[in-house]
């Protein structure tokens, strides 16, 4: 259990750098989870701009949703 000793020996800058690193890692993990969930549900309107309903694409994509 050397982690507490290392934390006490570090200054505020090292703590800040580690804190930013942890935040970045958590943000990446959350982004991956969100991407997997949205891809599992299929293409959602939040990630893709929905086509106008009057075009052939809109009428073709409507039954699949």
PDB file of N, CA and C in Angstrom:
ATOM      1  N   UNK A   1       0.852  -1.200   0.000  1.00  0.00           N
ATOM      2  CA  UNK A   1       0.000   0.000   0.000  1.00  0.00           C
ATOM      3  C   UNK A   1       0.883   1.244   0.000  1.00  0.00           C
ATOM      4  N   UNK A   2       1.526   1.523  -1.092  1.00  0.00           N
ATOM      5  CA  UNK A   2       2.405   2.688  -1.160  1.00  0.00           C
ATOM      6  C   UNK A   2       1.694   3.905  -1.737  1.00  0.00           C
ATOM      7  N   UNK A   3       0.451   3.732  -2.175  1.00  0.00           N
ATOM      8  CA  UNK A   3      -0.247   4.841  -2.818  1.00  0.00           C
ATOM      9  C   UNK A   3      -0.384   6.052  -1.887  1.00  0.00           C
ATOM     10  N   UNK A   4      -0.794   5.890  -0.618  1.00  0.00           N
ATOM     11  CA  UNK A   4      -0.918   7.089   0.240  1.00  0.00           C
ATOM     12  C   UNK A   4       0.408   7.809   0.404  1.00  0.00           C
ATOM     13  N   UNK A   5       1.515   7.066   0.547  1.00  0.00           N
ATOM     14  CA  UNK A   5       2.830   7.716   0.692  1.00  0.00           C
ATOM     15  C   UNK A   5       3.157   8.510  -0.565  1.00  0.00           C
ATOM     16  N   UNK A   6       2.867   7.932  -1.730  1.00  0.00           N
ATOM     17  CA  UNK A   6       3.164   8.637  -2.986  1.00  0.00           C
ATOM     18  C   UNK A   6       2.318   9.904  -3.078  1.00  0.00           C
ATOM     19  N   UNK A   7       1.046   9.809  -2.674  1.00  0.00           N
ATOM     20  CA  UNK A   7       0.182  10.986  -2.750  1.00  0.00           C
ATOM     21  C   UNK A   7       0.672  12.079  -1.817  1.00  0.00           C
ATOM     22  N   UNK A   8       1.118  11.702  -0.611  1.00  0.00           N
ATOM     23  CA  UNK A   8       1.596  12.721   0.336  1.00  0.00           C
ATOM     24  C   UNK A   8       2.882  13.357  -0.172  1.00  0.00           C
ATOM     25  N   UNK A   9       3.725  12.564  -0.879  1.00  0.00           N
ATOM     26  CA  UNK A   9       5.012  13.093  -1.335  1.00  0.00           C
ATOM     27  C   UNK A   9       4.835  14.028  -2.527  1.00  0.00           C
ATOM     28  N   UNK A  10       3.720  13.914  -3.233  1.00  0.00           N
ATOM     29  CA  UNK A  10       3.536  14.725  -4.435  1.00  0.00           C
ATOM     30  C   UNK A  10       3.042  16.118  -4.075  1.00  0.00           C
ATOM     31  N   UNK A  11       3.353  17.043  -4.954  1.00  0.00           N
ATOM     32  CA  UNK A  11       2.888  18.405  -4.768  1.00  0.00           C
ATOM     33  C   UNK A  11       1.544  18.607  -5.456  1.00  0.00           C
ATOM     34  N   UNK A  12       1.030  19.832  -5.410  1.00  0.00           N
ATOM     35  CA  UNK A  12      -0.294  20.098  -6.010  1.00  0.00           C
ATOM     36  C   UNK A  12      -0.306  19.882  -7.519  1.00  0.00           C
ATOM     37  N   UNK A  13       0.825  20.143  -8.194  1.00  0.00           N
ATOM     38  CA  UNK A  13       0.826  19.982  -9.652  1.00  0.00           C
ATOM     39  C   UNK A  13       0.696  18.515 -10.041  1.00  0.00           C
ATOM     40  N   UNK A  14       1.405  17.637  -9.313  1.00  0.00           N
ATOM     41  CA  UNK A  14       1.295  16.212  -9.637  1.00  0.00           C
ATOM     42  C   UNK A  14      -0.124  15.719  -9.377  1.00  0.00           C
ATOM     43  N   UNK A  15      -0.720  16.178  -8.262  1.00  0.00           N
ATOM     44  CA  UNK A  15      -2.100  15.787  -7.974  1.00  0.00           C
ATOM     45  C   UNK A  15      -3.027  16.277  -9.075  1.00  0.00           C
ATOM     46  N   UNK A  16      -2.800  17.508  -9.545  1.00  0.00           N
ATOM     47  CA  UNK A  16      -3.649  18.073 -10.593  1.00  0.00           C
ATOM     48  C   UNK A  16      -3.511  17.268 -11.881  1.00  0.00           C
ATOM     49  N   UNK A  17      -2.265  16.893 -12.214  1.00  0.00           N
ATOM     50  CA  UNK A  17      -2.044  16.128 -13.450  1.00  0.00           C
ATOM     51  C   UNK A  17      -2.730  14.768 -13.354  1.00  0.00           C
ATOM     52  N   UNK A  18      -2.598  14.117 -12.201  1.00  0.00           N
ATOM     53  CA  UNK A  18      -3.236  12.800 -12.046  1.00  0.00           C
ATOM     54  C   UNK A  18      -4.757  12.956 -12.086  1.00  0.00           C
ATOM     55  N   UNK A  19      -5.266  14.014 -11.457  1.00  0.00           N
ATOM     56  CA  UNK A  19      -6.712  14.244 -11.480  1.00  0.00           C
ATOM     57  C   UNK A  19      -7.225  14.440 -12.897  1.00  0.00           C
ATOM     58  N   UNK A  20      -6.484  15.233 -13.687  1.00  0.00           N
ATOM     59  CA  UNK A  20      -6.897  15.445 -15.081  1.00  0.00           C
ATOM     60  C   UNK A  20      -6.839  14.121 -15.846  1.00  0.00           C
ATOM     61  N   UNK A  21      -5.793  13.326 -15.585  1.00  0.00           N
ATOM     62  CA  UNK A  21      -5.669  12.033 -16.260  1.00  0.00           C
ATOM     63  C   UNK A  21      -6.845  11.124 -15.946  1.00  0.00           C
ATOM     64  N   UNK A  22      -7.256  11.107 -14.662  1.00  0.00           N
ATOM     65  CA  UNK A  22      -8.391  10.261 -14.277  1.00  0.00           C
ATOM     66  C   UNK A  22      -9.662  10.747 -14.970  1.00  0.00           C
ATOM     67  N   UNK A  23      -9.839  12.086 -15.022  1.00  0.00           N
ATOM     68  CA  UNK A  23     -11.040  12.632 -15.666  1.00  0.00           C
ATOM     69  C   UNK A  23     -11.059  12.267 -17.147  1.00  0.00           C
ATOM     70  N   UNK A  24      -9.898  12.335 -17.804  1.00  0.00           N
ATOM     71  CA  UNK A  24      -9.834  12.004 -19.236  1.00  0.00           C
ATOM     72  C   UNK A  24     -10.174  10.531 -19.449  1.00  0.00           C
ATOM     73  N   UNK A  25      -9.620   9.664 -18.596  1.00  0.00           N
ATOM     74  CA  UNK A  25      -9.889   8.223 -18.752  1.00  0.00           C
ATOM     75  C   UNK A  25     -11.378   7.944 -18.559  1.00  0.00           C
ATOM     76  N   UNK A  26     -11.975   8.553 -17.542  1.00  0.00           N
ATOM     77  CA  UNK A  26     -13.411   8.334 -17.292  1.00  0.00           C
ATOM     78  C   UNK A  26     -14.228   8.862 -18.472  1.00  0.00           C
ATOM     79  N   UNK A  27     -13.840  10.021 -19.010  1.00  0.00           N
ATOM     80  CA  UNK A  27     -14.582  10.592 -20.137  1.00  0.00           C
ATOM     81  C   UNK A  27     -14.513   9.669 -21.357  1.00  0.00           C
ATOM     82  N   UNK A  28     -13.346   9.090 -21.596  1.00  0.00           N
ATOM     83  CA  UNK A  28     -13.207   8.180 -22.740  1.00  0.00           C
ATOM     84  C   UNK A  28     -14.070   6.941 -22.534  1.00  0.00           C
ATOM     85  N   UNK A  29     -14.068   6.399 -21.310  1.00  0.00           N
ATOM     86  CA  UNK A  29     -14.871   5.200 -21.045  1.00  0.00           C
ATOM     87  C   UNK A  29     -16.356   5.510 -21.243  1.00  0.00           C
ATOM     88  N   UNK A  30     -16.795   6.664 -20.731  1.00  0.00           N
ATOM     89  CA  UNK A  30     -18.206   7.038 -20.887  1.00  0.00           C
ATOM     90  C   UNK A  30     -18.543   7.213 -22.365  1.00  0.00           C
ATOM     91  N   UNK A  31     -17.644   7.830 -23.133  1.00  0.00           N
ATOM     92  CA  UNK A  31     -17.901   8.039 -24.561  1.00  0.00           C
ATOM     93  C   UNK A  31     -18.035   6.700 -25.283  1.00  0.00           C
ATOM     94  N   UNK A  32     -17.183   5.736 -24.916  1.00  0.00           N
ATOM     95  CA  UNK A  32     -17.255   4.415 -25.563  1.00  0.00           C
ATOM     96  C   UNK A  32     -18.565   3.728 -25.206  1.00  0.00           C
ATOM     97  N   UNK A  33     -18.964   3.827 -23.928  1.00  0.00           N
ATOM     98  CA  UNK A  33     -20.225   3.186 -23.518  1.00  0.00           C
ATOM     99  C   UNK A  33     -21.400   3.816 -24.268  1.00  0.00           C
ATOM    100  N   UNK A  34     -21.397   5.141 -24.375  1.00  0.00           N
ATOM    101  CA  UNK A  34     -22.490   5.821 -25.080  1.00  0.00           C
ATOM    102  C   UNK A  34     -22.511   5.404 -26.546  1.00  0.00           C
ATOM    103  N   UNK A  35     -21.329   5.297 -27.150  1.00  0.00           N
ATOM    104  CA  UNK A  35     -21.274   4.898 -28.561  1.00  0.00           C
ATOM    105  C   UNK A  35     -21.800   3.479 -28.748  1.00  0.00           C
ATOM    106  N   UNK A  36     -21.445   2.580 -27.823  1.00  0.00           N
ATOM    107  CA  UNK A  36     -21.911   1.196 -27.944  1.00  0.00           C
ATOM    108  C   UNK A  36     -23.421   1.122 -27.755  1.00  0.00           C
ATOM    109  N   UNK A  37     -23.938   1.870 -26.783  1.00  0.00           N
ATOM    110  CA  UNK A  37     -25.381   1.825 -26.528  1.00  0.00           C
ATOM    111  C   UNK A  37     -26.146   2.389 -27.722  1.00  0.00           C
ATOM    112  N   UNK A  38     -25.678   3.507 -28.277  1.00  0.00           N
ATOM    113  CA  UNK A  38     -26.398   4.104 -29.401  1.00  0.00           C
ATOM    114  C   UNK A  38     -26.303   3.202 -30.632  1.00  0.00           C
ATOM    115  N   UNK A  39     -25.158   2.563 -30.850  1.00  0.00           N
ATOM    116  CA  UNK A  39     -25.038   1.688 -32.015  1.00  0.00           C
ATOM    117  C   UNK A  39     -25.870   0.424 -31.814  1.00  0.00           C
ATOM    118  N   UNK A  40     -26.022  -0.018 -30.568  1.00  0.00           N
ATOM    119  CA  UNK A  40     -26.835  -1.206 -30.310  1.00  0.00           C
ATOM    120  C   UNK A  40     -28.307  -0.944 -30.566  1.00  0.00           C
ATOM    121  N   UNK A  41     -28.764   0.268 -30.267  1.00  0.00           N
ATOM    122  CA  UNK A  41     -30.160   0.613 -30.508  1.00  0.00           C
ATOM    123  C   UNK A  41     -30.425   0.880 -31.986  1.00  0.00           C
ATOM    124  N   UNK A  42     -29.399   0.970 -32.786  1.00  0.00           N
ATOM    125  CA  UNK A  42     -29.557   1.339 -34.183  1.00  0.00           C
ATOM    126  C   UNK A  42     -29.275   2.827 -34.341  1.00  0.00           C
ATOM    127  N   UNK A  43     -29.262   3.287 -35.569  1.00  0.00           N
ATOM    128  CA  UNK A  43     -28.966   4.697 -35.813  1.00  0.00           C
ATOM    129  C   UNK A  43     -30.059   5.566 -35.195  1.00  0.00           C
ATOM    130  N   UNK A  44     -29.672   6.423 -34.253  1.00  0.00           N
ATOM    131  CA  UNK A  44     -30.657   7.297 -33.620  1.00  0.00           C
ATOM    132  C   UNK A  44     -30.593   8.681 -34.246  1.00  0.00           C
ATOM    133  N   UNK A  45     -31.641   9.475 -34.018  1.00  0.00           N
ATOM    134  CA  UNK A  45     -31.681  10.805 -34.611  1.00  0.00           C
ATOM    135  C   UNK A  45     -30.682  11.732 -33.946  1.00  0.00           C
ATOM    136  N   UNK A  46     -30.198  11.367 -32.734  1.00  0.00           N
ATOM    137  CA  UNK A  46     -29.263  12.250 -32.037  1.00  0.00           C
ATOM    138  C   UNK A  46     -27.887  12.214 -32.705  1.00  0.00           C
ATOM    139  N   UNK A  47     -27.507  11.055 -33.293  1.00  0.00           N
ATOM    140  CA  UNK A  47     -26.199  10.959 -33.915  1.00  0.00           C
ATOM    141  C   UNK A  47     -26.271  11.294 -35.403  1.00  0.00           C
ATOM    142  N   UNK A  48     -27.385  10.981 -36.045  1.00  0.00           N
ATOM    143  CA  UNK A  48     -27.520  11.242 -37.481  1.00  0.00           C
ATOM    144  C   UNK A  48     -28.642  12.246 -37.719  1.00  0.00           C
ATOM    145  N   UNK A  49     -28.418  13.144 -38.665  1.00  0.00           N
ATOM    146  CA  UNK A  49     -29.468  14.105 -38.988  1.00  0.00           C
ATOM    147  C   UNK A  49     -30.576  13.372 -39.751  1.00  0.00           C
ATOM    148  N   UNK A  50     -31.810  13.417 -39.260  1.00  0.00           N
ATOM    149  CA  UNK A  50     -32.884  12.700 -39.965  1.00  0.00           C
ATOM    150  C   UNK A  50     -33.165  13.334 -41.321  1.00  0.00           C
ATOM    151  N   UNK A  51     -33.380  12.547 -42.355  1.00  0.00           N
ATOM    152  CA  UNK A  51     -33.665  13.109 -43.680  1.00  0.00           C
ATOM    153  C   UNK A  51     -35.050  13.738 -43.701  1.00  0.00           C
ATOM    154  N   UNK A  52     -35.277  14.682 -44.608  1.00  0.00           N
ATOM    155  CA  UNK A  52     -36.619  15.286 -44.715  1.00  0.00           C
ATOM    156  C   UNK A  52     -37.654  14.226 -45.064  1.00  0.00           C
ATOM    157  N   UNK A  53     -38.839  14.273 -44.476  1.00  0.00           N
ATOM    158  CA  UNK A  53     -39.838  13.215 -44.704  1.00  0.00           C
ATOM    159  C   UNK A  53     -40.389  13.180 -46.126  1.00  0.00           C
ATOM    160  N   UNK A  54     -40.248  14.270 -46.888  1.00  0.00           N
ATOM    161  CA  UNK A  54     -40.840  14.299 -48.231  1.00  0.00           C
ATOM    162  C   UNK A  54     -39.981  13.557 -49.256  1.00  0.00           C
ATOM    163  N   UNK A  55     -38.717  13.234 -48.909  1.00  0.00           N
ATOM    164  CA  UNK A  55     -37.840  12.584 -49.887  1.00  0.00           C
ATOM    165  C   UNK A  55     -38.039  11.076 -49.850  1.00  0.00           C
ATOM    166  N   UNK A  56     -37.472  10.375 -50.826  1.00  0.00           N
ATOM    167  CA  UNK A  56     -37.570   8.920 -50.873  1.00  0.00           C
ATOM    168  C   UNK A  56     -36.839   8.291 -49.692  1.00  0.00           C
ATOM    169  N   UNK A  57     -35.728   8.912 -49.292  1.00  0.00           N
ATOM    170  CA  UNK A  57     -34.993   8.366 -48.144  1.00  0.00           C
ATOM    171  C   UNK A  57     -35.865   8.388 -46.895  1.00  0.00           C
ATOM    172  N   UNK A  58     -36.571   9.486 -46.667  1.00  0.00           N
ATOM    173  CA  UNK A  58     -37.401   9.596 -45.463  1.00  0.00           C
ATOM    174  C   UNK A  58     -38.478   8.544 -45.430  1.00  0.00           C
ATOM    175  N   UNK A  59     -39.150   8.318 -46.567  1.00  0.00           N
ATOM    176  CA  UNK A  59     -40.241   7.340 -46.585  1.00  0.00           C
ATOM    177  C   UNK A  59     -39.682   5.923 -46.479  1.00  0.00           C
ATOM    178  N   UNK A  60     -38.459   5.719 -46.954  1.00  0.00           N
ATOM    179  CA  UNK A  60     -37.878   4.383 -46.891  1.00  0.00           C
ATOM    180  C   UNK A  60     -37.366   4.075 -45.481  1.00  0.00           C
ATOM    181  N   UNK A  61     -36.863   5.129 -44.758  1.00  0.00           N
ATOM    182  CA  UNK A  61     -36.317   4.899 -43.423  1.00  0.00           C
ATOM    183  C   UNK A  61     -37.413   4.883 -42.361  1.00  0.00           C
ATOM    184  N   UNK A  62     -38.587   5.426 -42.658  1.00  0.00           N
ATOM    185  CA  UNK A  62     -39.630   5.529 -41.629  1.00  0.00           C
ATOM    186  C   UNK A  62     -40.085   4.151 -41.125  1.00  0.00           C
ATOM    187  N   UNK A  63     -40.356   3.166 -41.978  1.00  0.00           N
ATOM    188  CA  UNK A  63     -40.820   1.867 -41.448  1.00  0.00           C
ATOM    189  C   UNK A  63     -39.758   1.182 -40.588  1.00  0.00           C
ATOM    190  N   UNK A  64     -38.462   1.373 -40.889  1.00  0.00           N
ATOM    191  CA  UNK A  64     -37.414   0.674 -40.147  1.00  0.00           C
ATOM    192  C   UNK A  64     -37.309   1.226 -38.719  1.00  0.00           C
ATOM    193  N   UNK A  65     -37.636   2.497 -38.521  1.00  0.00           N
ATOM    194  CA  UNK A  65     -37.538   3.049 -37.171  1.00  0.00           C
ATOM    195  C   UNK A  65     -38.723   2.552 -36.388  1.00  0.00           C
TER     196      UNK A  65
END
